[in-house]
Amino acid sequence: MTVVYALILGFGAGILSGMFGVGGGILFVPTLSLVIGLSHLSAEATSLAAIIPVVALGAWQQHGYGNVRIRAALTIGITSALGVAGGVALATWLSGRTLERLFACLLLASAARRAWTARH
């Protein structure tokens, strides 16, 4: 049954990401934790791995449309990779409860910003 949930999650998150531009982590992490039963840390790690094919396909398609700026992409990609390494070290150091609370704060901040932007 877990595989069925994972398939539904992947397909649903793909549709929502394509429609609204939301990051996979905002959708994947809570679902992997609450529905599939992974720990928050495992859900984050799984979300990072799951996004690789999504990013590759999206970048390839957008490149075909002429929308990819290689220099900017490499700059952001390299510095993000360094940030991810630091974030992984921090995530494994923090308690699971603290990590969950910080993630909840991120979701609330993201929702508030989206609501504020839609209002104005």
PDB file of N, CA and C in Angstrom:
ATOM      1  N   MET A   1       0.814  -1.194   0.000  1.00  0.00           N
ATOM      2  CA  MET A   1       0.000   0.000   0.000  1.00  0.00           C
ATOM      3  C   MET A   1       0.862   1.264   0.000  1.00  0.00           C
ATOM      4  N   THR A   2       2.049   1.187   0.612  1.00  0.00           N
ATOM      5  CA  THR A   2       2.946   2.339   0.649  1.00  0.00           C
ATOM      6  C   THR A   2       3.333   2.780  -0.757  1.00  0.00           C
ATOM      7  N   VAL A   3       3.533   1.818  -1.646  1.00  0.00           N
ATOM      8  CA  VAL A   3       3.901   2.147  -3.024  1.00  0.00           C
ATOM      9  C   VAL A   3       2.762   2.912  -3.705  1.00  0.00           C
ATOM     10  N   VAL A   4       1.535   2.511  -3.444  1.00  0.00           N
ATOM     11  CA  VAL A   4       0.378   3.203  -4.030  1.00  0.00           C
ATOM     12  C   VAL A   4       0.334   4.640  -3.536  1.00  0.00           C
ATOM     13  N   TYR A   5       0.526   4.831  -2.228  1.00  0.00           N
ATOM     14  CA  TYR A   5       0.549   6.190  -1.670  1.00  0.00           C
ATOM     15  C   TYR A   5       1.683   7.012  -2.281  1.00  0.00           C
ATOM     16  N   ALA A   6       2.838   6.398  -2.451  1.00  0.00           N
ATOM     17  CA  ALA A   6       3.978   7.105  -3.044  1.00  0.00           C
ATOM     18  C   ALA A   6       3.686   7.500  -4.489  1.00  0.00           C
ATOM     19  N   LEU A   7       3.033   6.624  -5.247  1.00  0.00           N
ATOM     20  CA  LEU A   7       2.667   6.944  -6.632  1.00  0.00           C
ATOM     21  C   LEU A   7       1.669   8.101  -6.686  1.00  0.00           C
ATOM     22  N   ILE A   8       0.673   8.053  -5.817  1.00  0.00           N
ATOM     23  CA  ILE A   8      -0.323   9.132  -5.765  1.00  0.00           C
ATOM     24  C   ILE A   8       0.350  10.436  -5.362  1.00  0.00           C
ATOM     25  N   LEU A   9       1.235  10.381  -4.364  1.00  0.00           N
ATOM     26  CA  LEU A   9       1.961  11.568  -3.908  1.00  0.00           C
ATOM     27  C   LEU A   9       2.785  12.156  -5.042  1.00  0.00           C
ATOM     28  N   GLY A  10       3.544  11.323  -5.722  1.00  0.00           N
ATOM     29  CA  GLY A  10       4.397  11.807  -6.805  1.00  0.00           C
ATOM     30  C   GLY A  10       3.599  12.450  -7.919  1.00  0.00           C
ATOM     31  N   PHE A  11       2.524  11.800  -8.327  1.00  0.00           N
ATOM     32  CA  PHE A  11       1.705  12.334  -9.415  1.00  0.00           C
ATOM     33  C   PHE A  11       1.016  13.630  -8.995  1.00  0.00           C
ATOM     34  N   GLY A  12       0.416  13.616  -7.818  1.00  0.00           N
ATOM     35  CA  GLY A  12      -0.273  14.814  -7.326  1.00  0.00           C
ATOM     36  C   GLY A  12       0.672  15.985  -7.123  1.00  0.00           C
ATOM     37  N   ALA A  13       1.816  15.722  -6.527  1.00  0.00           N
ATOM     38  CA  ALA A  13       2.797  16.788  -6.304  1.00  0.00           C
ATOM     39  C   ALA A  13       3.329  17.318  -7.621  1.00  0.00           C
ATOM     40  N   GLY A  14       3.500  16.438  -8.592  1.00  0.00           N
ATOM     41  CA  GLY A  14       3.957  16.875  -9.907  1.00  0.00           C
ATOM     42  C   GLY A  14       2.956  17.814 -10.568  1.00  0.00           C
ATOM     43  N   ILE A  15       1.687  17.461 -10.490  1.00  0.00           N
ATOM     44  CA  ILE A  15       0.648  18.323 -11.069  1.00  0.00           C
ATOM     45  C   ILE A  15       0.622  19.672 -10.358  1.00  0.00           C
ATOM     46  N   LEU A  16       0.609  19.654  -9.026  1.00  0.00           N
ATOM     47  CA  LEU A  16       0.557  20.910  -8.276  1.00  0.00           C
ATOM     48  C   LEU A  16       1.810  21.753  -8.480  1.00  0.00           C
ATOM     49  N   SER A  17       2.958  21.107  -8.540  1.00  0.00           N
ATOM     50  CA  SER A  17       4.205  21.845  -8.779  1.00  0.00           C
ATOM     51  C   SER A  17       4.200  22.490 -10.162  1.00  0.00           C
ATOM     52  N   GLY A  18       3.730  21.739 -11.143  1.00  0.00           N
ATOM     53  CA  GLY A  18       3.666  22.285 -12.500  1.00  0.00           C
ATOM     54  C   GLY A  18       2.670  23.425 -12.629  1.00  0.00           C
ATOM     55  N   MET A  19       1.556  23.323 -11.915  1.00  0.00           N
ATOM     56  CA  MET A  19       0.518  24.357 -11.996  1.00  0.00           C
ATOM     57  C   MET A  19       0.873  25.618 -11.218  1.00  0.00           C
ATOM     58  N   PHE A  20       1.396  25.421 -10.007  1.00  0.00           N
ATOM     59  CA  PHE A  20       1.557  26.550  -9.093  1.00  0.00           C
ATOM     60  C   PHE A  20       3.001  26.914  -8.789  1.00  0.00           C
ATOM     61  N   GLY A  21       3.941  26.093  -9.220  1.00  0.00           N
ATOM     62  CA  GLY A  21       5.344  26.397  -8.970  1.00  0.00           C
ATOM     63  C   GLY A  21       5.772  26.164  -7.531  1.00  0.00           C
ATOM     64  N   VAL A  22       4.981  25.416  -6.777  1.00  0.00           N
ATOM     65  CA  VAL A  22       5.369  25.151  -5.393  1.00  0.00           C
ATOM     66  C   VAL A  22       6.478  24.120  -5.372  1.00  0.00           C
ATOM     67  N   GLY A  23       7.355  24.229  -4.403  1.00  0.00           N
ATOM     68  CA  GLY A  23       8.452  23.286  -4.284  1.00  0.00           C
ATOM     69  C   GLY A  23       7.965  21.926  -3.831  1.00  0.00           C
ATOM     70  N   GLY A  24       8.633  20.901  -4.298  1.00  0.00           N
ATOM     71  CA  GLY A  24       8.258  19.542  -3.919  1.00  0.00           C
ATOM     72  C   GLY A  24       8.335  19.293  -2.428  1.00  0.00           C
ATOM     73  N   GLY A  25       9.300  19.924  -1.742  1.00  0.00           N
ATOM     74  CA  GLY A  25       9.457  19.707  -0.311  1.00  0.00           C
ATOM     75  C   GLY A  25       8.249  20.125   0.493  1.00  0.00           C
ATOM     76  N   ILE A  26       7.581  21.174   0.058  1.00  0.00           N
ATOM     77  CA  ILE A  26       6.396  21.640   0.772  1.00  0.00           C
ATOM     78  C   ILE A  26       5.297  20.595   0.692  1.00  0.00           C
ATOM     79  N   LEU A  27       5.263  19.844  -0.385  1.00  0.00           N
ATOM     80  CA  LEU A  27       4.257  18.803  -0.544  1.00  0.00           C
ATOM     81  C   LEU A  27       4.768  17.436  -0.093  1.00  0.00           C
ATOM     82  N   PHE A  28       6.008  17.119  -0.457  1.00  0.00           N
ATOM     83  CA  PHE A  28       6.544  15.787  -0.182  1.00  0.00           C
ATOM     84  C   PHE A  28       6.772  15.526   1.301  1.00  0.00           C
ATOM     85  N   VAL A  29       7.407  16.448   1.984  1.00  0.00           N
ATOM     86  CA  VAL A  29       7.825  16.184   3.366  1.00  0.00           C
ATOM     87  C   VAL A  29       6.637  15.894   4.280  1.00  0.00           C
ATOM     88  N   PRO A  30       5.597  16.726   4.305  1.00  0.00           N
ATOM     89  CA  PRO A  30       4.469  16.392   5.185  1.00  0.00           C
ATOM     90  C   PRO A  30       3.788  15.080   4.807  1.00  0.00           C
ATOM     91  N   THR A  31       3.641  14.832   3.509  1.00  0.00           N
ATOM     92  CA  THR A  31       2.969  13.607   3.094  1.00  0.00           C
ATOM     93  C   THR A  31       3.805  12.378   3.414  1.00  0.00           C
ATOM     94  N   LEU A  32       5.101  12.461   3.184  1.00  0.00           N
ATOM     95  CA  LEU A  32       5.960  11.316   3.518  1.00  0.00           C
ATOM     96  C   LEU A  32       5.942  11.033   5.017  1.00  0.00           C
ATOM     97  N   SER A  33       5.853  12.078   5.821  1.00  0.00           N
ATOM     98  CA  SER A  33       5.804  11.901   7.271  1.00  0.00           C
ATOM     99  C   SER A  33       4.446  11.391   7.724  1.00  0.00           C
ATOM    100  N   LEU A  34       3.380  12.077   7.315  1.00  0.00           N
ATOM    101  CA  LEU A  34       2.043  11.795   7.843  1.00  0.00           C
ATOM    102  C   LEU A  34       1.365  10.598   7.194  1.00  0.00           C
ATOM    103  N   VAL A  35       1.557  10.409   5.901  1.00  0.00           N
ATOM    104  CA  VAL A  35       0.847   9.340   5.199  1.00  0.00           C
ATOM    105  C   VAL A  35       1.681   8.072   5.121  1.00  0.00           C
ATOM    106  N   ILE A  36       2.941   8.216   4.747  1.00  0.00           N
ATOM    107  CA  ILE A  36       3.779   7.028   4.559  1.00  0.00           C
ATOM    108  C   ILE A  36       4.456   6.611   5.863  1.00  0.00           C
ATOM    109  N   GLY A  37       4.595   7.543   6.809  1.00  0.00           N
ATOM    110  CA  GLY A  37       5.104   7.184   8.127  1.00  0.00           C
ATOM    111  C   GLY A  37       6.600   7.334   8.322  1.00  0.00           C
ATOM    112  N   LEU A  38       7.270   8.074   7.430  1.00  0.00           N
ATOM    113  CA  LEU A  38       8.707   8.287   7.604  1.00  0.00           C
ATOM    114  C   LEU A  38       8.955   9.301   8.718  1.00  0.00           C
ATOM    115  N   SER A  39      10.109   9.215   9.347  1.00  0.00           N
ATOM    116  CA  SER A  39      10.497  10.263  10.284  1.00  0.00           C
ATOM    117  C   SER A  39      10.683  11.550   9.493  1.00  0.00           C
ATOM    118  N   HIS A  40      10.651  12.665  10.194  1.00  0.00           N
ATOM    119  CA  HIS A  40      10.780  13.945   9.485  1.00  0.00           C
ATOM    120  C   HIS A  40      12.121  14.018   8.746  1.00  0.00           C
ATOM    121  N   LEU A  41      13.188  13.583   9.378  1.00  0.00           N
ATOM    122  CA  LEU A  41      14.505  13.617   8.746  1.00  0.00           C
ATOM    123  C   LEU A  41      14.543  12.715   7.508  1.00  0.00           C
ATOM    124  N   SER A  42      13.976  11.524   7.609  1.00  0.00           N
ATOM    125  CA  SER A  42      13.930  10.627   6.451  1.00  0.00           C
ATOM    126  C   SER A  42      13.054  11.196   5.341  1.00  0.00           C
ATOM    127  N   ALA A  43      11.973  11.868   5.722  1.00  0.00           N
ATOM    128  CA  ALA A  43      11.104  12.492   4.725  1.00  0.00           C
ATOM    129  C   ALA A  43      11.845  13.603   3.986  1.00  0.00           C
ATOM    130  N   GLU A  44      12.631  14.390   4.711  1.00  0.00           N
ATOM    131  CA  GLU A  44      13.414  15.450   4.064  1.00  0.00           C
ATOM    132  C   GLU A  44      14.436  14.858   3.103  1.00  0.00           C
ATOM    133  N   ALA A  45      15.136  13.830   3.550  1.00  0.00           N
ATOM    134  CA  ALA A  45      16.155  13.204   2.703  1.00  0.00           C
ATOM    135  C   ALA A  45      15.524  12.573   1.472  1.00  0.00           C
ATOM    136  N   THR A  46      14.390  11.910   1.641  1.00  0.00           N
ATOM    137  CA  THR A  46      13.697  11.288   0.520  1.00  0.00           C
ATOM    138  C   THR A  46      13.197  12.346  -0.455  1.00  0.00           C
ATOM    139  N   SER A  47      12.705  13.457   0.077  1.00  0.00           N
ATOM    140  CA  SER A  47      12.243  14.553  -0.766  1.00  0.00           C
ATOM    141  C   SER A  47      13.380  15.120  -1.610  1.00  0.00           C
ATOM    142  N   LEU A  48      14.549  15.270  -1.011  1.00  0.00           N
ATOM    143  CA  LEU A  48      15.708  15.763  -1.764  1.00  0.00           C
ATOM    144  C   LEU A  48      16.065  14.818  -2.906  1.00  0.00           C
ATOM    145  N   ALA A  49      16.032  13.518  -2.633  1.00  0.00           N
ATOM    146  CA  ALA A  49      16.355  12.548  -3.676  1.00  0.00           C
ATOM    147  C   ALA A  49      15.273  12.506  -4.757  1.00  0.00           C
ATOM    148  N   ALA A  50      14.013  12.640  -4.347  1.00  0.00           N
ATOM    149  CA  ALA A  50      12.901  12.548  -5.304  1.00  0.00           C
ATOM    150  C   ALA A  50      12.875  13.725  -6.265  1.00  0.00           C
ATOM    151  N   ILE A  51      13.423  14.835  -5.867  1.00  0.00           N
ATOM    152  CA  ILE A  51      13.345  16.028  -6.696  1.00  0.00           C
ATOM    153  C   ILE A  51      14.340  15.988  -7.867  1.00  0.00           C
ATOM    154  N   ILE A  52      15.328  15.114  -7.812  1.00  0.00           N
ATOM    155  CA  ILE A  52      16.357  15.061  -8.855  1.00  0.00           C
ATOM    156  C   ILE A  52      15.755  14.828 -10.251  1.00  0.00           C
ATOM    157  N   PRO A  53      14.932  13.788 -10.454  1.00  0.00           N
ATOM    158  CA  PRO A  53      14.377  13.609 -11.799  1.00  0.00           C
ATOM    159  C   PRO A  53      13.410  14.725 -12.191  1.00  0.00           C
ATOM    160  N   VAL A  54      12.697  15.283 -11.223  1.00  0.00           N
ATOM    161  CA  VAL A  54      11.768  16.379 -11.511  1.00  0.00           C
ATOM    162  C   VAL A  54      12.529  17.594 -12.023  1.00  0.00           C
ATOM    163  N   VAL A  55      13.612  17.931 -11.346  1.00  0.00           N
ATOM    164  CA  VAL A  55      14.426  19.077 -11.735  1.00  0.00           C
ATOM    165  C   VAL A  55      15.049  18.843 -13.114  1.00  0.00           C
ATOM    166  N   ALA A  56      15.548  17.652 -13.337  1.00  0.00           N
ATOM    167  CA  ALA A  56      16.179  17.350 -14.623  1.00  0.00           C
ATOM    168  C   ALA A  56      15.175  17.502 -15.774  1.00  0.00           C
ATOM    169  N   LEU A  57      13.988  16.943 -15.616  1.00  0.00           N
ATOM    170  CA  LEU A  57      12.978  17.037 -16.667  1.00  0.00           C
ATOM    171  C   LEU A  57      12.525  18.480 -16.877  1.00  0.00           C
ATOM    172  N   GLY A  58      12.257  19.184 -15.794  1.00  0.00           N
ATOM    173  CA  GLY A  58      11.820  20.574 -15.903  1.00  0.00           C
ATOM    174  C   GLY A  58      12.868  21.457 -16.560  1.00  0.00           C
ATOM    175  N   ALA A  59      14.121  21.301 -16.162  1.00  0.00           N
ATOM    176  CA  ALA A  59      15.200  22.103 -16.747  1.00  0.00           C
ATOM    177  C   ALA A  59      15.364  21.784 -18.232  1.00  0.00           C
ATOM    178  N   TRP A  60      15.284  20.519 -18.578  1.00  0.00           N
ATOM    179  CA  TRP A  60      15.409  20.115 -19.979  1.00  0.00           C
ATOM    180  C   TRP A  60      14.296  20.724 -20.827  1.00  0.00           C
ATOM    181  N   GLN A  61      13.052  20.654 -20.315  1.00  0.00           N
ATOM    182  CA  GLN A  61      11.936  21.221 -21.067  1.00  0.00           C
ATOM    183  C   GLN A  61      12.064  22.743 -21.170  1.00  0.00           C
ATOM    184  N   GLN A  62      12.398  23.399 -20.076  1.00  0.00           N
ATOM    185  CA  GLN A  62      12.530  24.857 -20.101  1.00  0.00           C
ATOM    186  C   GLN A  62      13.701  25.298 -20.987  1.00  0.00           C
ATOM    187  N   HIS A  63      14.756  24.487 -21.016  1.00  0.00           N
ATOM    188  CA  HIS A  63      15.881  24.785 -21.905  1.00  0.00           C
ATOM    189  C   HIS A  63      15.423  24.776 -23.363  1.00  0.00           C
ATOM    190  N   GLY A  64      14.544  23.825 -23.670  1.00  0.00           N
ATOM    191  CA  GLY A  64      13.988  23.751 -25.026  1.00  0.00           C
ATOM    192  C   GLY A  64      13.206  25.003 -25.401  1.00  0.00           C
ATOM    193  N   TYR A  65      12.607  25.651 -24.423  1.00  0.00           N
ATOM    194  CA  TYR A  65      11.876  26.903 -24.658  1.00  0.00           C
ATOM    195  C   TYR A  65      12.789  28.118 -24.635  1.00  0.00           C
ATOM    196  N   GLY A  66      14.054  27.914 -24.319  1.00  0.00           N
ATOM    197  CA  GLY A  66      15.001  29.025 -24.267  1.00  0.00           C
ATOM    198  C   GLY A  66      14.952  29.831 -22.980  1.00  0.00           C
ATOM    199  N   ASN A  67      14.411  29.245 -21.917  1.00  0.00           N
ATOM    200  CA  ASN A  67      14.231  29.980 -20.663  1.00  0.00           C
ATOM    201  C   ASN A  67      15.346  29.789 -19.644  1.00  0.00           C
ATOM    202  N   VAL A  68      16.247  28.867 -19.870  1.00  0.00           N
ATOM    203  CA  VAL A  68      17.297  28.582 -18.885  1.00  0.00           C
ATOM    204  C   VAL A  68      18.480  29.516 -19.104  1.00  0.00           C
ATOM    205  N   ARG A  69      18.924  30.144 -18.064  1.00  0.00           N
ATOM    206  CA  ARG A  69      20.128  30.986 -18.080  1.00  0.00           C
ATOM    207  C   ARG A  69      21.224  30.184 -17.380  1.00  0.00           C
ATOM    208  N   ILE A  70      22.114  29.609 -18.174  1.00  0.00           N
ATOM    209  CA  ILE A  70      23.108  28.655 -17.676  1.00  0.00           C
ATOM    210  C   ILE A  70      23.986  29.253 -16.582  1.00  0.00           C
ATOM    211  N   ARG A  71      24.508  30.453 -16.789  1.00  0.00           N
ATOM    212  CA  ARG A  71      25.400  31.055 -15.793  1.00  0.00           C
ATOM    213  C   ARG A  71      24.681  31.220 -14.450  1.00  0.00           C
ATOM    214  N   ALA A  72      23.481  31.752 -14.476  1.00  0.00           N
ATOM    215  CA  ALA A  72      22.707  31.926 -13.240  1.00  0.00           C
ATOM    216  C   ALA A  72      22.398  30.568 -12.610  1.00  0.00           C
ATOM    217  N   ALA A  73      22.027  29.593 -13.447  1.00  0.00           N
ATOM    218  CA  ALA A  73      21.702  28.257 -12.938  1.00  0.00           C
ATOM    219  C   ALA A  73      22.902  27.617 -12.247  1.00  0.00           C
ATOM    220  N   LEU A  74      24.079  27.729 -12.864  1.00  0.00           N
ATOM    221  CA  LEU A  74      25.282  27.157 -12.249  1.00  0.00           C
ATOM    222  C   LEU A  74      25.648  27.864 -10.953  1.00  0.00           C
ATOM    223  N   THR A  75      25.535  29.188 -10.943  1.00  0.00           N
ATOM    224  CA  THR A  75      25.843  29.945  -9.734  1.00  0.00           C
ATOM    225  C   THR A  75      24.909  29.550  -8.596  1.00  0.00           C
ATOM    226  N   ILE A  76      23.626  29.535  -8.883  1.00  0.00           N
ATOM    227  CA  ILE A  76      22.650  29.158  -7.860  1.00  0.00           C
ATOM    228  C   ILE A  76      22.831  27.695  -7.462  1.00  0.00           C
ATOM    229  N   GLY A  77      23.048  26.828  -8.434  1.00  0.00           N
ATOM    230  CA  GLY A  77      23.198  25.402  -8.151  1.00  0.00           C
ATOM    231  C   GLY A  77      24.389  25.089  -7.269  1.00  0.00           C
ATOM    232  N   ILE A  78      25.522  25.688  -7.571  1.00  0.00           N
ATOM    233  CA  ILE A  78      26.733  25.414  -6.783  1.00  0.00           C
ATOM    234  C   ILE A  78      26.582  25.948  -5.363  1.00  0.00           C
ATOM    235  N   THR A  79      26.099  27.177  -5.236  1.00  0.00           N
ATOM    236  CA  THR A  79      25.945  27.728  -3.885  1.00  0.00           C
ATOM    237  C   THR A  79      24.841  27.013  -3.114  1.00  0.00           C
ATOM    238  N   SER A  80      23.793  26.564  -3.805  1.00  0.00           N
ATOM    239  CA  SER A  80      22.740  25.790  -3.137  1.00  0.00           C
ATOM    240  C   SER A  80      23.276  24.452  -2.645  1.00  0.00           C
ATOM    241  N   ALA A  81      24.123  23.825  -3.439  1.00  0.00           N
ATOM    242  CA  ALA A  81      24.718  22.548  -3.020  1.00  0.00           C
ATOM    243  C   ALA A  81      25.525  22.725  -1.736  1.00  0.00           C
ATOM    244  N   LEU A  82      26.259  23.821  -1.650  1.00  0.00           N
ATOM    245  CA  LEU A  82      26.996  24.093  -0.409  1.00  0.00           C
ATOM    246  C   LEU A  82      26.034  24.308   0.755  1.00  0.00           C
ATOM    247  N   GLY A  83      24.952  25.040   0.494  1.00  0.00           N
ATOM    248  CA  GLY A  83      23.946  25.262   1.528  1.00  0.00           C
ATOM    249  C   GLY A  83      23.264  23.976   1.961  1.00  0.00           C
ATOM    250  N   VAL A  84      22.981  23.104   1.010  1.00  0.00           N
ATOM    251  CA  VAL A  84      22.361  21.821   1.336  1.00  0.00           C
ATOM    252  C   VAL A  84      23.278  20.999   2.237  1.00  0.00           C
ATOM    253  N   ALA A  85      24.563  21.006   1.944  1.00  0.00           N
ATOM    254  CA  ALA A  85      25.507  20.253   2.780  1.00  0.00           C
ATOM    255  C   ALA A  85      25.459  20.772   4.219  1.00  0.00           C
ATOM    256  N   GLY A  86      25.432  22.084   4.373  1.00  0.00           N
ATOM    257  CA  GLY A  86      25.321  22.659   5.713  1.00  0.00           C
ATOM    258  C   GLY A  86      23.979  22.358   6.349  1.00  0.00           C
ATOM    259  N   GLY A  87      22.911  22.424   5.567  1.00  0.00           N
ATOM    260  CA  GLY A  87      21.577  22.123   6.077  1.00  0.00           C
ATOM    261  C   GLY A  87      21.424  20.680   6.516  1.00  0.00           C
ATOM    262  N   VAL A  88      22.014  19.765   5.778  1.00  0.00           N
ATOM    263  CA  VAL A  88      21.967  18.353   6.156  1.00  0.00           C
ATOM    264  C   VAL A  88      22.690  18.141   7.482  1.00  0.00           C
ATOM    265  N   ALA A  89      23.850  18.761   7.629  1.00  0.00           N
ATOM    266  CA  ALA A  89      24.588  18.638   8.890  1.00  0.00           C
ATOM    267  C   ALA A  89      23.760  19.187  10.046  1.00  0.00           C
ATOM    268  N   LEU A  90      23.118  20.327   9.840  1.00  0.00           N
ATOM    269  CA  LEU A  90      22.288  20.926  10.877  1.00  0.00           C
ATOM    270  C   LEU A  90      21.063  20.071  11.174  1.00  0.00           C
ATOM    271  N   ALA A  91      20.416  19.552  10.131  1.00  0.00           N
ATOM    272  CA  ALA A  91      19.216  18.727  10.311  1.00  0.00           C
ATOM    273  C   ALA A  91      19.512  17.454  11.088  1.00  0.00           C
ATOM    274  N   THR A  92      20.667  16.849  10.850  1.00  0.00           N
ATOM    275  CA  THR A  92      21.004  15.625  11.579  1.00  0.00           C
ATOM    276  C   THR A  92      21.425  15.933  13.015  1.00  0.00           C
ATOM    277  N   TRP A  93      21.824  17.168  13.275  1.00  0.00           N
ATOM    278  CA  TRP A  93      22.214  17.574  14.623  1.00  0.00           C
ATOM    279  C   TRP A  93      21.006  17.930  15.485  1.00  0.00           C
ATOM    280  N   LEU A  94      19.973  18.526  14.879  1.00  0.00           N
ATOM    281  CA  LEU A  94      18.783  18.931  15.615  1.00  0.00           C
ATOM    282  C   LEU A  94      17.920  17.728  15.976  1.00  0.00           C
ATOM    283  N   SER A  95      17.105  17.881  17.009  1.00  0.00           N
ATOM    284  CA  SER A  95      16.167  16.815  17.362  1.00  0.00           C
ATOM    285  C   SER A  95      15.048  16.778  16.325  1.00  0.00           C
ATOM    286  N   GLY A  96      14.407  15.632  16.202  1.00  0.00           N
ATOM    287  CA  GLY A  96      13.304  15.492  15.264  1.00  0.00           C
ATOM    288  C   GLY A  96      12.178  16.462  15.567  1.00  0.00           C
ATOM    289  N   ARG A  97      11.886  16.662  16.837  1.00  0.00           N
ATOM    290  CA  ARG A  97      10.815  17.594  17.250  1.00  0.00           C
ATOM    291  C   ARG A  97      11.141  19.032  16.825  1.00  0.00           C
ATOM    292  N   THR A  98      12.381  19.445  17.037  1.00  0.00           N
ATOM    293  CA  THR A  98      12.792  20.799  16.652  1.00  0.00           C
ATOM    294  C   THR A  98      12.717  20.956  15.141  1.00  0.00           C
ATOM    295  N   LEU A  99      13.144  19.946  14.422  1.00  0.00           N
ATOM    296  CA  LEU A  99      13.094  19.976  12.960  1.00  0.00           C
ATOM    297  C   LEU A  99      11.651  20.105  12.475  1.00  0.00           C
ATOM    298  N   GLU A 100      10.740  19.367  13.083  1.00  0.00           N
ATOM    299  CA  GLU A 100       9.330  19.455  12.713  1.00  0.00           C
ATOM    300  C   GLU A 100       8.783  20.856  12.974  1.00  0.00           C
ATOM    301  N   ARG A 101       9.129  21.443  14.091  1.00  0.00           N
ATOM    302  CA  ARG A 101       8.648  22.783  14.425  1.00  0.00           C
ATOM    303  C   ARG A 101       9.205  23.828  13.454  1.00  0.00           C
ATOM    304  N   LEU A 102      10.479  23.712  13.131  1.00  0.00           N
ATOM    305  CA  LEU A 102      11.071  24.648  12.177  1.00  0.00           C
ATOM    306  C   LEU A 102      10.421  24.521  10.803  1.00  0.00           C
ATOM    307  N   PHE A 103      10.135  23.295  10.401  1.00  0.00           N
ATOM    308  CA  PHE A 103       9.475  23.077   9.109  1.00  0.00           C
ATOM    309  C   PHE A 103       8.066  23.663   9.133  1.00  0.00           C
ATOM    310  N   ALA A 104       7.353  23.493  10.236  1.00  0.00           N
ATOM    311  CA  ALA A 104       6.013  24.083  10.369  1.00  0.00           C
ATOM    312  C   ALA A 104       6.081  25.609  10.252  1.00  0.00           C
ATOM    313  N   CYS A 105       7.091  26.212  10.856  1.00  0.00           N
ATOM    314  CA  CYS A 105       7.273  27.670  10.746  1.00  0.00           C
ATOM    315  C   CYS A 105       7.525  28.074   9.292  1.00  0.00           C
ATOM    316  N   LEU A 106       8.312  27.289   8.579  1.00  0.00           N
ATOM    317  CA  LEU A 106       8.568  27.556   7.161  1.00  0.00           C
ATOM    318  C   LEU A 106       7.272  27.484   6.358  1.00  0.00           C
ATOM    319  N   LEU A 107       6.446  26.472   6.621  1.00  0.00           N
ATOM    320  CA  LEU A 107       5.181  26.345   5.907  1.00  0.00           C
ATOM    321  C   LEU A 107       4.254  27.516   6.211  1.00  0.00           C
ATOM    322  N   LEU A 108       4.188  27.924   7.480  1.00  0.00           N
ATOM    323  CA  LEU A 108       3.340  29.065   7.850  1.00  0.00           C
ATOM    324  C   LEU A 108       3.823  30.353   7.191  1.00  0.00           C
ATOM    325  N   ALA A 109       5.124  30.567   7.189  1.00  0.00           N
ATOM    326  CA  ALA A 109       5.679  31.760   6.559  1.00  0.00           C
ATOM    327  C   ALA A 109       5.402  31.757   5.057  1.00  0.00           C
ATOM    328  N   SER A 110       5.544  30.604   4.440  1.00  0.00           N
ATOM    329  CA  SER A 110       5.280  30.491   3.006  1.00  0.00           C
ATOM    330  C   SER A 110       3.808  30.760   2.707  1.00  0.00           C
ATOM    331  N   ALA A 111       2.918  30.183   3.517  1.00  0.00           N
ATOM    332  CA  ALA A 111       1.486  30.406   3.318  1.00  0.00           C
ATOM    333  C   ALA A 111       1.129  31.870   3.530  1.00  0.00           C
ATOM    334  N   ALA A 112       1.696  32.499   4.536  1.00  0.00           N
ATOM    335  CA  ALA A 112       1.417  33.907   4.811  1.00  0.00           C
ATOM    336  C   ALA A 112       1.888  34.782   3.655  1.00  0.00           C
ATOM    337  N   ARG A 113       3.041  34.482   3.140  1.00  0.00           N
ATOM    338  CA  ARG A 113       3.555  35.273   2.011  1.00  0.00           C
ATOM    339  C   ARG A 113       2.682  35.109   0.781  1.00  0.00           C
ATOM    340  N   ARG A 114       2.261  33.875   0.511  1.00  0.00           N
ATOM    341  CA  ARG A 114       1.388  33.640  -0.640  1.00  0.00           C
ATOM    342  C   ARG A 114       0.061  34.386  -0.466  1.00  0.00           C
ATOM    343  N   ALA A 115      -0.500  34.329   0.737  1.00  0.00           N
ATOM    344  CA  ALA A 115      -1.756  35.020   1.001  1.00  0.00           C
ATOM    345  C   ALA A 115      -1.582  36.529   0.860  1.00  0.00           C
ATOM    346  N   TRP A 116      -0.488  37.054   1.375  1.00  0.00           N
ATOM    347  CA  TRP A 116      -0.221  38.496   1.272  1.00  0.00           C
ATOM    348  C   TRP A 116      -0.076  38.923  -0.178  1.00  0.00           C
ATOM    349  N   THR A 117       0.666  38.145  -0.958  1.00  0.00           N
ATOM    350  CA  THR A 117       0.874  38.464  -2.376  1.00  0.00           C
ATOM    351  C   THR A 117      -0.448  38.398  -3.157  1.00  0.00           C
ATOM    352  N   ALA A 118      -1.258  37.396  -2.864  1.00  0.00           N
ATOM    353  CA  ALA A 118      -2.554  37.249  -3.561  1.00  0.00           C
ATOM    354  C   ALA A 118      -3.496  38.397  -3.192  1.00  0.00           C
ATOM    355  N   ARG A 119      -3.389  38.874  -1.986  1.00  0.00           N
ATOM    356  CA  ARG A 119      -4.269  39.959  -1.521  1.00  0.00           C
ATOM    357  C   ARG A 119      -3.926  41.273  -2.206  1.00  0.00           C
ATOM    358  N   HIS A 120      -2.655  41.478  -2.483  1.00  0.00           N
ATOM    359  CA  HIS A 120      -2.225  42.757  -3.066  1.00  0.00           C
ATOM    360  C   HIS A 120      -2.046  42.572  -4.530  1.00  0.00           C
TER     361      HIS A 120
END
